[in-house]
Amino acid sequence: MENVRLTVFFEEPFWVGIFEIIDNGKLSAAKVVFGAEPKDGEVYAFVLRNFYKLKFSPAVEVTEKEPKKNPKRIQRQVRNQLQNNGTGTKSQQALKLQYEQSKAERKIISKEKRLAEEKRLFELKQQKKKEKHRGR
């Protein structure tokens, strides 16, 4: 047996259970009338005692539907895959890494240039102060 399902529902004036067995793409069904609304324990006991005594219908070809997937779950899975693997091909990832390295180098060089310029301007100011102080 591949897939067994029991559906219990109210069909005027009794409660009814439908057993379905899907095996190798073929469906067989059996109907059971419970009478009054059965409790979970009663249904379980019935299944244990009487399942193999049930008379199932002849098998009918059936195509199983894929269960619907939650769109939010699919979205999360896609987002996780993109985060884990990164986007693009290996060459694009290598180019991105090279770009990041050159960006870091440019940042260091520009900081050094800025500090050197600030130091030069400071020394120029100091020199002008000394010249004024000497009275020239």
Protein backbone atom coordinates (compact mmCIF):
# COMPACT_ATOMS: atom_id res chain seq x y z
CA MET A 1 0.00 0.00 0.00
CA GLU A 2 1.39 3.31 -1.06
CA ASN A 3 -1.08 5.83 0.33
CA VAL A 4 -4.11 5.29 2.61
CA ARG A 5 -6.52 8.06 3.55
CA LEU A 6 -9.68 8.20 5.66
CA THR A 7 -12.13 11.06 5.30
CA VAL A 8 -15.00 11.33 7.82
CA PHE A 9 -17.89 13.65 7.01
CA PHE A 10 -21.58 14.20 7.76
CA GLU A 11 -24.00 12.95 5.10
CA GLU A 12 -27.64 13.36 6.19
CA PRO A 13 -28.57 11.69 8.55
CA PHE A 14 -25.36 9.75 9.38
CA TRP A 15 -21.63 10.20 9.71
CA VAL A 16 -19.75 8.45 6.90
CA GLY A 17 -16.12 7.45 6.42
CA ILE A 18 -14.45 6.95 3.05
CA PHE A 19 -11.27 4.87 2.96
CA GLU A 20 -9.06 5.44 -0.10
CA ILE A 21 -6.02 3.40 -1.07
CA ILE A 22 -3.74 4.65 -3.83
CA ASP A 23 -1.30 1.98 -4.96
CA ASN A 24 0.83 2.20 -8.12
CA GLY A 25 -1.37 4.94 -9.58
CA LYS A 26 -4.64 3.04 -8.97
CA LEU A 27 -7.33 4.10 -6.49
CA SER A 28 -9.63 1.78 -4.52
CA ALA A 29 -12.29 3.05 -2.10
CA ALA A 30 -14.55 1.68 0.63
CA LYS A 31 -17.46 3.41 2.39
CA VAL A 32 -18.32 2.95 6.08
CA VAL A 33 -21.41 4.35 7.84
CA PHE A 34 -20.70 5.29 11.47
CA GLY A 35 -24.17 6.56 12.47
CA ALA A 36 -23.64 9.02 15.33
CA GLU A 37 -20.61 11.30 15.22
CA PRO A 38 -17.59 9.12 16.04
CA LYS A 39 -14.90 10.28 18.43
CA ASP A 40 -11.22 10.04 17.45
CA GLY A 41 -10.66 7.03 19.68
CA GLU A 42 -13.66 5.21 18.18
CA VAL A 43 -12.39 5.83 14.64
CA TYR A 44 -8.93 4.58 15.58
CA ALA A 45 -10.35 1.45 17.20
CA PHE A 46 -12.54 0.81 14.13
CA VAL A 47 -9.53 1.09 11.83
CA LEU A 48 -7.51 -1.33 13.96
CA ARG A 49 -10.31 -3.93 14.16
CA ASN A 50 -11.98 -3.72 10.76
CA PHE A 51 -9.56 -2.32 8.17
CA TYR A 52 -8.70 -5.69 6.63
CA LYS A 53 -12.40 -6.73 6.54
CA LEU A 54 -13.39 -3.75 4.37
CA LYS A 55 -14.49 -4.44 0.80
CA PHE A 56 -12.73 -2.02 -1.53
CA SER A 57 -13.97 -1.10 -5.00
CA PRO A 58 -12.10 -2.27 -8.09
CA ALA A 59 -8.97 -0.21 -8.79
CA VAL A 60 -9.34 2.83 -11.04
CA GLU A 61 -6.48 4.67 -12.79
CA VAL A 62 -5.77 7.99 -11.12
CA THR A 63 -3.14 10.67 -11.49
CA GLU A 64 -1.98 12.01 -8.18
CA LYS A 65 -1.92 15.75 -7.76
CA GLU A 66 1.18 17.28 -6.30
CA PRO A 67 0.31 18.90 -3.01
CA LYS A 68 0.13 22.68 -3.18
CA LYS A 69 3.22 24.35 -1.83
CA ASN A 70 3.04 27.37 0.40
CA PRO A 71 4.18 30.40 -1.68
CA LYS A 72 5.85 32.01 1.33
CA ARG A 73 7.87 28.84 1.96
CA ILE A 74 8.94 28.76 -1.69
CA GLN A 75 9.98 32.43 -1.44
CA ARG A 76 12.07 31.70 1.68
CA GLN A 77 13.77 28.74 0.01
CA VAL A 78 14.66 30.81 -3.07
CA ARG A 79 16.00 33.64 -0.91
CA ASN A 80 18.14 31.21 1.12
CA GLN A 81 19.55 29.60 -2.02
CA LEU A 82 20.47 32.98 -3.46
CA GLN A 83 22.15 34.06 -0.23
CA ASN A 84 24.09 30.83 0.15
CA ASN A 85 25.33 30.49 -3.42
CA GLY A 86 25.61 34.13 -4.39
CA THR A 87 24.46 35.37 -7.74
CA GLY A 88 26.09 34.93 -11.09
CA THR A 89 28.66 32.62 -12.54
CA LYS A 90 32.10 31.82 -11.15
CA SER A 91 33.70 34.40 -13.44
CA GLN A 92 31.25 37.06 -12.24
CA GLN A 93 32.06 36.18 -8.64
CA ALA A 94 35.81 36.43 -9.38
CA LEU A 95 35.32 39.85 -11.00
CA LYS A 96 33.27 40.99 -8.02
CA LEU A 97 36.06 39.89 -5.65
CA GLN A 98 38.67 41.72 -7.76
CA TYR A 99 36.47 44.85 -7.71
CA GLU A 100 36.16 44.69 -3.91
CA GLN A 101 39.95 44.34 -3.51
CA SER A 102 40.69 47.27 -5.80
CA LYS A 103 38.07 49.32 -3.99
CA ALA A 104 39.82 48.66 -0.66
CA GLU A 105 43.21 49.60 -2.19
CA ARG A 106 41.77 52.84 -3.64
CA LYS A 107 40.35 53.70 -0.24
CA ILE A 108 43.75 53.27 1.43
CA ILE A 109 45.58 55.29 -1.25
CA SER A 110 43.07 58.15 -1.16
CA LYS A 111 43.29 58.28 2.65
CA GLU A 112 47.10 58.50 2.46
CA LYS A 113 46.87 61.30 -0.14
CA ARG A 114 44.37 63.21 1.96
CA LEU A 115 46.54 62.92 5.10
CA ALA A 116 49.64 64.00 3.15
CA GLU A 117 47.79 67.04 1.79
CA GLU A 118 46.54 67.96 5.27
CA LYS A 119 50.09 67.64 6.65
CA ARG A 120 51.50 69.81 3.81
CA LEU A 121 48.87 72.53 4.44
CA PHE A 122 49.55 72.41 8.19
CA GLU A 123 53.30 72.83 7.64
CA LEU A 124 52.66 75.68 5.21
CA LYS A 125 50.53 77.43 7.86
CA GLN A 126 53.22 76.90 10.49
CA GLN A 127 55.87 78.34 8.17
CA LYS A 128 53.73 81.42 7.48
CA LYS A 129 53.22 81.91 11.24
CA LYS A 130 56.98 81.80 11.83
CA GLU A 131 57.62 84.28 9.03
CA LYS A 132 55.06 86.68 10.48
CA HIS A 133 56.51 86.24 13.98
CA ARG A 134 60.02 87.08 12.81
CA GLY A 135 58.70 90.30 11.41
CA ARG A 136 59.82 90.01 7.83
